[in-house]
N, C-alpha and C. Protein backbone atom coordinates (compact mmCIF):
# COMPACT_ATOMS: atom_id res chain seq x y z
N MET A 1 -9.08 -13.56 -9.59
CA MET A 1 -9.77 -13.91 -8.38
C MET A 1 -11.21 -14.32 -8.67
N ILE A 2 -11.89 -13.59 -9.52
CA ILE A 2 -13.28 -13.91 -9.84
C ILE A 2 -13.38 -15.29 -10.51
N PRO A 3 -12.55 -15.60 -11.53
CA PRO A 3 -12.63 -16.94 -12.12
C PRO A 3 -12.30 -18.04 -11.10
N ALA A 4 -11.34 -17.78 -10.21
CA ALA A 4 -11.00 -18.78 -9.20
C ALA A 4 -12.15 -18.97 -8.22
N LEU A 5 -12.85 -17.90 -7.88
CA LEU A 5 -14.01 -18.00 -7.00
C LEU A 5 -15.12 -18.80 -7.67
N ARG A 6 -15.34 -18.57 -8.94
CA ARG A 6 -16.40 -19.29 -9.66
C ARG A 6 -16.08 -20.76 -9.86
N SER A 7 -14.79 -21.08 -9.95
CA SER A 7 -14.41 -22.48 -10.20
C SER A 7 -14.05 -23.23 -8.93
N ALA A 8 -14.18 -22.61 -7.76
CA ALA A 8 -13.87 -23.29 -6.51
C ALA A 8 -14.79 -24.48 -6.33
N THR A 9 -14.20 -25.63 -5.99
CA THR A 9 -14.97 -26.87 -5.95
C THR A 9 -15.43 -27.28 -4.56
N ASN A 10 -14.81 -26.73 -3.53
CA ASN A 10 -15.25 -27.10 -2.18
C ASN A 10 -15.38 -25.86 -1.31
N THR A 11 -15.89 -26.04 -0.13
CA THR A 11 -16.15 -24.91 0.77
C THR A 11 -14.88 -24.19 1.18
N THR A 12 -13.81 -24.91 1.43
CA THR A 12 -12.55 -24.29 1.84
C THR A 12 -11.99 -23.41 0.74
N ALA A 13 -11.97 -23.92 -0.47
CA ALA A 13 -11.45 -23.14 -1.61
C ALA A 13 -12.33 -21.92 -1.86
N ARG A 14 -13.63 -22.09 -1.75
CA ARG A 14 -14.56 -20.97 -1.96
C ARG A 14 -14.35 -19.90 -0.89
N THR A 15 -14.19 -20.33 0.35
CA THR A 15 -13.97 -19.37 1.45
C THR A 15 -12.67 -18.61 1.26
N LEU A 16 -11.62 -19.32 0.87
CA LEU A 16 -10.33 -18.66 0.62
C LEU A 16 -10.45 -17.63 -0.50
N GLU A 17 -11.14 -17.97 -1.56
CA GLU A 17 -11.29 -17.03 -2.67
C GLU A 17 -12.18 -15.84 -2.28
N ILE A 18 -13.19 -16.06 -1.45
CA ILE A 18 -14.00 -14.94 -0.97
C ILE A 18 -13.16 -14.00 -0.13
N VAL A 19 -12.31 -14.53 0.74
CA VAL A 19 -11.41 -13.69 1.55
C VAL A 19 -10.48 -12.90 0.63
N ARG A 20 -9.94 -13.55 -0.38
CA ARG A 20 -9.05 -12.86 -1.32
C ARG A 20 -9.78 -11.73 -2.06
N VAL A 21 -10.99 -12.00 -2.49
CA VAL A 21 -11.76 -10.97 -3.21
C VAL A 21 -12.06 -9.80 -2.29
N VAL A 22 -12.46 -10.07 -1.06
CA VAL A 22 -12.76 -8.99 -0.11
C VAL A 22 -11.51 -8.16 0.17
N LEU A 23 -10.38 -8.82 0.39
CA LEU A 23 -9.13 -8.08 0.65
C LEU A 23 -8.72 -7.26 -0.57
N LEU A 24 -8.88 -7.81 -1.76
CA LEU A 24 -8.55 -7.04 -2.96
C LEU A 24 -9.48 -5.85 -3.14
N LEU A 25 -10.75 -6.01 -2.78
CA LEU A 25 -11.67 -4.87 -2.84
C LEU A 25 -11.24 -3.77 -1.86
N LEU A 26 -10.78 -4.18 -0.68
CA LEU A 26 -10.29 -3.20 0.29
C LEU A 26 -9.03 -2.49 -0.23
N ILE A 27 -8.14 -3.25 -0.86
CA ILE A 27 -6.93 -2.64 -1.43
C ILE A 27 -7.31 -1.66 -2.54
N LEU A 28 -8.24 -2.08 -3.39
CA LEU A 28 -8.67 -1.20 -4.48
C LEU A 28 -9.27 0.09 -3.92
N GLY A 29 -10.10 -0.04 -2.90
CA GLY A 29 -10.67 1.15 -2.26
C GLY A 29 -9.60 2.05 -1.68
N ALA A 30 -8.58 1.45 -1.08
CA ALA A 30 -7.48 2.24 -0.51
C ALA A 30 -6.68 2.92 -1.61
N PHE A 31 -6.40 2.20 -2.69
CA PHE A 31 -5.64 2.80 -3.79
C PHE A 31 -6.40 3.95 -4.44
N VAL A 32 -7.71 3.91 -4.39
CA VAL A 32 -8.51 4.99 -4.98
C VAL A 32 -8.67 6.15 -3.99
N MET A 33 -8.99 5.85 -2.74
CA MET A 33 -9.36 6.90 -1.79
C MET A 33 -8.17 7.56 -1.09
N TYR A 34 -7.08 6.84 -0.88
CA TYR A 34 -5.94 7.44 -0.19
C TYR A 34 -5.33 8.60 -0.98
N PRO A 35 -5.15 8.48 -2.30
CA PRO A 35 -4.68 9.64 -3.06
C PRO A 35 -5.67 10.81 -3.04
N VAL A 36 -6.96 10.51 -2.96
CA VAL A 36 -7.94 11.58 -2.84
C VAL A 36 -7.70 12.35 -1.54
N GLU A 37 -7.46 11.61 -0.47
CA GLU A 37 -7.15 12.27 0.81
C GLU A 37 -5.87 13.10 0.70
N LEU A 38 -4.84 12.54 0.08
CA LEU A 38 -3.59 13.28 -0.09
C LEU A 38 -3.80 14.54 -0.92
N PHE A 39 -4.65 14.45 -1.92
CA PHE A 39 -4.96 15.62 -2.75
C PHE A 39 -5.68 16.68 -1.92
N ILE A 40 -6.64 16.25 -1.10
CA ILE A 40 -7.42 17.18 -0.28
C ILE A 40 -6.53 17.91 0.72
N ILE A 41 -5.58 17.19 1.32
CA ILE A 41 -4.72 17.84 2.32
C ILE A 41 -3.54 18.57 1.68
N GLY A 42 -3.42 18.50 0.37
CA GLY A 42 -2.35 19.22 -0.32
C GLY A 42 -0.99 18.59 -0.10
N HIS A 43 -0.89 17.29 -0.29
CA HIS A 43 0.36 16.57 -0.01
C HIS A 43 1.50 16.94 -0.95
N TRP A 44 1.19 17.39 -2.16
CA TRP A 44 2.27 17.68 -3.10
C TRP A 44 3.00 18.96 -2.66
N LEU A 45 4.28 18.93 -2.82
CA LEU A 45 5.14 20.07 -2.48
C LEU A 45 5.94 20.45 -3.72
N ASP A 46 6.98 21.21 -3.51
CA ASP A 46 7.83 21.58 -4.64
C ASP A 46 8.76 20.44 -5.06
N SER A 47 8.80 19.38 -4.30
CA SER A 47 9.70 18.28 -4.61
C SER A 47 8.95 17.14 -5.32
N TRP A 48 9.64 16.41 -6.14
CA TRP A 48 9.04 15.30 -6.86
C TRP A 48 8.72 14.15 -5.92
N GLU A 49 9.43 14.08 -4.78
CA GLU A 49 9.21 12.97 -3.85
C GLU A 49 7.80 12.97 -3.27
N SER A 50 7.21 14.15 -3.12
CA SER A 50 5.87 14.21 -2.56
C SER A 50 4.80 13.70 -3.52
N LEU A 51 5.17 13.50 -4.78
CA LEU A 51 4.23 12.98 -5.77
C LEU A 51 4.29 11.46 -5.91
N ILE A 52 5.25 10.82 -5.26
CA ILE A 52 5.41 9.37 -5.40
C ILE A 52 4.15 8.60 -5.01
N PRO A 53 3.45 8.95 -3.92
CA PRO A 53 2.22 8.21 -3.61
C PRO A 53 1.18 8.29 -4.73
N PHE A 54 1.14 9.40 -5.43
CA PHE A 54 0.19 9.51 -6.55
C PHE A 54 0.62 8.62 -7.71
N TRP A 55 1.92 8.56 -7.97
CA TRP A 55 2.41 7.75 -9.08
C TRP A 55 2.24 6.26 -8.83
N ILE A 56 2.43 5.83 -7.58
CA ILE A 56 2.30 4.39 -7.28
C ILE A 56 0.85 3.96 -7.34
N THR A 57 -0.06 4.93 -7.23
CA THR A 57 -1.49 4.61 -7.29
C THR A 57 -1.92 4.16 -8.68
N ILE A 58 -1.33 4.71 -9.71
CA ILE A 58 -1.76 4.39 -11.08
C ILE A 58 -1.60 2.90 -11.39
N PRO A 59 -0.38 2.33 -11.26
CA PRO A 59 -0.31 0.88 -11.50
C PRO A 59 -1.02 0.08 -10.41
N GLY A 60 -1.11 0.64 -9.21
CA GLY A 60 -1.83 -0.06 -8.15
C GLY A 60 -3.28 -0.33 -8.50
N VAL A 61 -3.95 0.69 -9.00
CA VAL A 61 -5.36 0.53 -9.39
C VAL A 61 -5.47 -0.38 -10.62
N ILE A 62 -4.64 -0.15 -11.62
CA ILE A 62 -4.73 -0.92 -12.86
C ILE A 62 -4.52 -2.41 -12.59
N PHE A 63 -3.44 -2.76 -11.89
CA PHE A 63 -3.13 -4.17 -11.71
C PHE A 63 -4.04 -4.84 -10.67
N THR A 64 -4.55 -4.07 -9.72
CA THR A 64 -5.50 -4.66 -8.77
C THR A 64 -6.79 -5.03 -9.48
N VAL A 65 -7.28 -4.16 -10.35
CA VAL A 65 -8.48 -4.49 -11.11
C VAL A 65 -8.20 -5.66 -12.04
N TRP A 66 -7.05 -5.66 -12.68
CA TRP A 66 -6.71 -6.72 -13.63
C TRP A 66 -6.63 -8.08 -12.94
N ILE A 67 -6.06 -8.09 -11.74
CA ILE A 67 -5.90 -9.35 -10.99
C ILE A 67 -7.26 -9.94 -10.62
N PHE A 68 -8.28 -9.11 -10.49
CA PHE A 68 -9.62 -9.64 -10.22
C PHE A 68 -10.05 -10.63 -11.29
N PHE A 69 -9.65 -10.39 -12.53
CA PHE A 69 -10.14 -11.18 -13.64
C PHE A 69 -9.11 -12.11 -14.25
N ASP A 70 -7.83 -11.88 -13.96
CA ASP A 70 -6.79 -12.69 -14.58
C ASP A 70 -5.57 -12.73 -13.68
N ARG A 71 -5.50 -13.73 -12.83
CA ARG A 71 -4.32 -13.83 -11.97
C ARG A 71 -3.35 -14.90 -12.43
N LYS A 72 -3.66 -15.58 -13.51
CA LYS A 72 -2.80 -16.67 -13.99
C LYS A 72 -1.80 -16.25 -15.06
N THR A 73 -2.06 -15.15 -15.74
CA THR A 73 -1.11 -14.68 -16.75
C THR A 73 0.17 -14.23 -16.03
N PRO A 74 1.30 -14.83 -16.38
CA PRO A 74 2.53 -14.56 -15.61
C PRO A 74 2.93 -13.09 -15.54
N TRP A 75 2.86 -12.36 -16.66
CA TRP A 75 3.33 -10.97 -16.60
C TRP A 75 2.40 -10.10 -15.78
N VAL A 76 1.10 -10.38 -15.78
CA VAL A 76 0.17 -9.61 -14.95
C VAL A 76 0.44 -9.89 -13.48
N ARG A 77 0.66 -11.15 -13.18
CA ARG A 77 0.96 -11.55 -11.80
C ARG A 77 2.24 -10.87 -11.31
N TRP A 78 3.29 -10.90 -12.14
CA TRP A 78 4.56 -10.27 -11.76
C TRP A 78 4.43 -8.76 -11.65
N ALA A 79 3.68 -8.16 -12.54
CA ALA A 79 3.47 -6.71 -12.47
C ALA A 79 2.74 -6.33 -11.18
N PHE A 80 1.75 -7.14 -10.80
CA PHE A 80 1.04 -6.90 -9.55
C PHE A 80 1.98 -7.06 -8.35
N ILE A 81 2.78 -8.11 -8.35
CA ILE A 81 3.71 -8.35 -7.24
C ILE A 81 4.72 -7.21 -7.14
N ILE A 82 5.28 -6.78 -8.25
CA ILE A 82 6.24 -5.68 -8.25
C ILE A 82 5.59 -4.38 -7.77
N THR A 83 4.35 -4.14 -8.19
CA THR A 83 3.63 -2.95 -7.73
C THR A 83 3.39 -3.00 -6.23
N MET A 84 3.06 -4.17 -5.70
CA MET A 84 2.83 -4.30 -4.26
C MET A 84 4.14 -4.08 -3.48
N TRP A 85 5.25 -4.60 -4.00
CA TRP A 85 6.55 -4.34 -3.35
C TRP A 85 6.90 -2.85 -3.42
N ALA A 86 6.58 -2.22 -4.53
CA ALA A 86 6.83 -0.78 -4.65
C ALA A 86 5.98 -0.01 -3.64
N ALA A 87 4.75 -0.45 -3.41
CA ALA A 87 3.90 0.19 -2.41
C ALA A 87 4.48 0.01 -1.01
N ILE A 88 5.00 -1.18 -0.72
CA ILE A 88 5.62 -1.43 0.59
C ILE A 88 6.80 -0.50 0.80
N VAL A 89 7.67 -0.43 -0.18
CA VAL A 89 8.85 0.44 -0.07
C VAL A 89 8.44 1.90 0.04
N THR A 90 7.45 2.31 -0.74
CA THR A 90 6.95 3.69 -0.68
C THR A 90 6.47 4.03 0.72
N GLY A 91 5.71 3.13 1.33
CA GLY A 91 5.22 3.37 2.68
C GLY A 91 6.33 3.44 3.71
N LEU A 92 7.28 2.54 3.63
CA LEU A 92 8.39 2.53 4.60
C LEU A 92 9.27 3.77 4.47
N VAL A 93 9.61 4.12 3.24
CA VAL A 93 10.45 5.30 3.02
C VAL A 93 9.69 6.57 3.41
N GLY A 94 8.41 6.63 3.07
CA GLY A 94 7.60 7.79 3.45
C GLY A 94 7.50 7.95 4.95
N ALA A 95 7.31 6.84 5.67
CA ALA A 95 7.24 6.90 7.13
C ALA A 95 8.57 7.39 7.71
N TYR A 96 9.66 6.88 7.18
CA TYR A 96 10.99 7.29 7.65
C TYR A 96 11.18 8.80 7.46
N TRP A 97 10.86 9.30 6.27
CA TRP A 97 11.07 10.73 6.01
C TRP A 97 10.11 11.60 6.80
N HIS A 98 8.89 11.16 7.00
CA HIS A 98 7.98 11.93 7.87
C HIS A 98 8.57 12.04 9.27
N TRP A 99 9.12 10.96 9.76
CA TRP A 99 9.71 10.94 11.10
C TRP A 99 10.93 11.86 11.17
N ILE A 100 11.80 11.76 10.17
CA ILE A 100 13.00 12.60 10.14
C ILE A 100 12.61 14.08 10.07
N TRP A 101 11.65 14.42 9.21
CA TRP A 101 11.23 15.82 9.08
C TRP A 101 10.58 16.32 10.36
N ASN A 102 9.86 15.46 11.07
CA ASN A 102 9.31 15.86 12.36
C ASN A 102 10.43 16.20 13.33
N MET A 103 11.51 15.41 13.32
CA MET A 103 12.64 15.69 14.21
C MET A 103 13.34 16.98 13.81
N GLU A 104 13.52 17.18 12.50
CA GLU A 104 14.21 18.39 12.04
C GLU A 104 13.43 19.66 12.37
N ASP A 105 12.11 19.55 12.47
CA ASP A 105 11.29 20.71 12.79
C ASP A 105 11.42 21.16 14.24
N THR A 106 11.93 20.30 15.09
CA THR A 106 12.04 20.67 16.51
C THR A 106 13.48 20.91 16.89
N ARG A 107 14.13 19.93 17.47
CA ARG A 107 15.49 20.13 17.98
C ARG A 107 16.54 19.43 17.14
N GLY A 108 16.18 18.89 16.01
CA GLY A 108 17.14 18.16 15.19
C GLY A 108 17.01 16.67 15.43
N ILE A 109 17.82 15.91 14.71
CA ILE A 109 17.72 14.45 14.75
C ILE A 109 18.48 13.92 15.95
N ALA A 110 17.78 13.18 16.78
CA ALA A 110 18.39 12.48 17.92
C ALA A 110 17.64 11.17 18.08
N TRP A 111 18.37 10.11 18.35
CA TRP A 111 17.74 8.80 18.37
C TRP A 111 17.57 8.26 19.78
N ASN A 112 17.43 9.12 20.79
CA ASN A 112 17.09 8.56 22.10
C ASN A 112 15.59 8.25 22.11
N TRP A 113 15.20 7.30 22.91
CA TRP A 113 13.85 6.72 22.83
C TRP A 113 12.74 7.74 23.01
N SER A 114 12.77 8.51 24.08
CA SER A 114 11.64 9.40 24.37
C SER A 114 11.51 10.50 23.31
N TYR A 115 12.62 11.07 22.89
CA TYR A 115 12.57 12.11 21.87
C TYR A 115 12.07 11.56 20.54
N ALA A 116 12.59 10.41 20.13
CA ALA A 116 12.19 9.82 18.86
C ALA A 116 10.70 9.46 18.87
N MET A 117 10.21 8.95 19.99
CA MET A 117 8.78 8.60 20.07
C MET A 117 7.90 9.85 20.10
N ASP A 118 8.37 10.93 20.72
CA ASP A 118 7.61 12.18 20.67
C ASP A 118 7.49 12.68 19.24
N GLN A 119 8.55 12.56 18.47
CA GLN A 119 8.53 13.02 17.08
C GLN A 119 7.76 12.07 16.17
N PHE A 120 7.58 10.84 16.63
CA PHE A 120 6.77 9.89 15.89
C PHE A 120 5.34 10.40 15.78
N HIS A 121 4.91 11.13 16.80
CA HIS A 121 3.56 11.70 16.85
C HIS A 121 3.57 13.18 16.47
N GLY A 122 4.52 13.59 15.65
CA GLY A 122 4.68 14.99 15.30
C GLY A 122 3.68 15.46 14.26
N PHE A 123 4.01 16.61 13.66
CA PHE A 123 3.12 17.26 12.69
C PHE A 123 2.82 16.39 11.47
N ARG A 124 3.86 15.73 10.95
CA ARG A 124 3.67 14.85 9.80
C ARG A 124 3.34 13.45 10.31
N PRO A 125 2.23 12.89 9.89
CA PRO A 125 1.81 11.58 10.43
C PRO A 125 2.67 10.43 9.88
N VAL A 126 3.45 9.84 10.75
CA VAL A 126 4.35 8.77 10.34
C VAL A 126 3.56 7.54 9.90
N LEU A 127 2.54 7.18 10.66
CA LEU A 127 1.79 5.98 10.33
C LEU A 127 0.92 6.14 9.08
N ALA A 128 0.58 7.36 8.72
CA ALA A 128 -0.22 7.58 7.51
C ALA A 128 0.54 7.10 6.28
N ALA A 129 1.84 7.33 6.26
CA ALA A 129 2.63 6.86 5.12
C ALA A 129 2.67 5.34 5.06
N MET A 130 2.51 4.71 6.20
CA MET A 130 2.54 3.24 6.25
C MET A 130 1.29 2.61 5.64
N ALA A 131 0.29 3.41 5.27
CA ALA A 131 -0.89 2.86 4.62
C ALA A 131 -0.51 2.15 3.32
N TYR A 132 0.45 2.71 2.62
CA TYR A 132 0.89 2.06 1.38
C TYR A 132 1.59 0.73 1.67
N THR A 133 2.30 0.66 2.78
CA THR A 133 2.91 -0.60 3.18
C THR A 133 1.82 -1.63 3.46
N ASN A 134 0.78 -1.20 4.15
CA ASN A 134 -0.33 -2.10 4.44
C ASN A 134 -1.00 -2.59 3.16
N MET A 135 -1.20 -1.70 2.19
CA MET A 135 -1.80 -2.10 0.93
C MET A 135 -0.93 -3.13 0.21
N GLY A 136 0.39 -2.89 0.21
CA GLY A 136 1.30 -3.80 -0.47
C GLY A 136 1.36 -5.17 0.18
N VAL A 137 1.43 -5.21 1.50
CA VAL A 137 1.48 -6.49 2.21
C VAL A 137 0.18 -7.26 2.00
N THR A 138 -0.93 -6.58 2.08
CA THR A 138 -2.22 -7.24 1.86
C THR A 138 -2.34 -7.76 0.43
N GLY A 139 -1.85 -6.98 -0.53
CA GLY A 139 -1.86 -7.45 -1.92
C GLY A 139 -1.01 -8.68 -2.13
N LEU A 140 0.16 -8.71 -1.49
CA LEU A 140 1.02 -9.90 -1.60
C LEU A 140 0.37 -11.11 -0.95
N ALA A 141 -0.33 -10.88 0.17
CA ALA A 141 -1.03 -11.99 0.83
C ALA A 141 -2.16 -12.52 -0.06
N CYS A 142 -2.81 -11.64 -0.80
CA CYS A 142 -3.90 -12.08 -1.69
C CYS A 142 -3.40 -12.92 -2.86
N ILE A 143 -2.24 -12.59 -3.37
CA ILE A 143 -1.76 -13.25 -4.57
C ILE A 143 -0.92 -14.50 -4.25
N PHE A 144 -0.58 -14.68 -2.98
CA PHE A 144 0.25 -15.82 -2.57
C PHE A 144 -0.45 -17.13 -2.87
N ARG A 145 0.31 -18.06 -3.42
CA ARG A 145 -0.21 -19.40 -3.68
C ARG A 145 0.69 -20.41 -2.98
N ALA A 146 0.11 -21.20 -2.11
CA ALA A 146 0.87 -22.26 -1.46
C ALA A 146 1.12 -23.37 -2.47
N ARG A 147 2.27 -23.93 -2.41
CA ARG A 147 2.62 -25.01 -3.35
C ARG A 147 2.35 -26.35 -2.71
């Protein structure tokens, strides 16, 4: 991103690269600070599944920083894209399980609208898990190249 910003030849290209750099900085901040929040609230449990957000952070930080300086090397680009897809899946699966566990804590799983929406706002924050989905989608938008 940085080399592309420096080599931008017109205002439109420069503006696009500035937007990409800003979005990547936001993603990098999220990949660094969100695990800190999870650590503070004690997100890890006795299961390995609760550690997945921490594990996805490691390649997330590494490849996000790397993409700042080298987005043209094919394997770096693919590693970044795969990491962003992994973040999307992590967020979606995490949101689903938070929702299911909220339902199991009350009256069990039922998919009628009012009950499901009440459990959406339960003890475990469903939308908090979606932060990883947001990071992944934003990362894919940053790396997208129109042909």
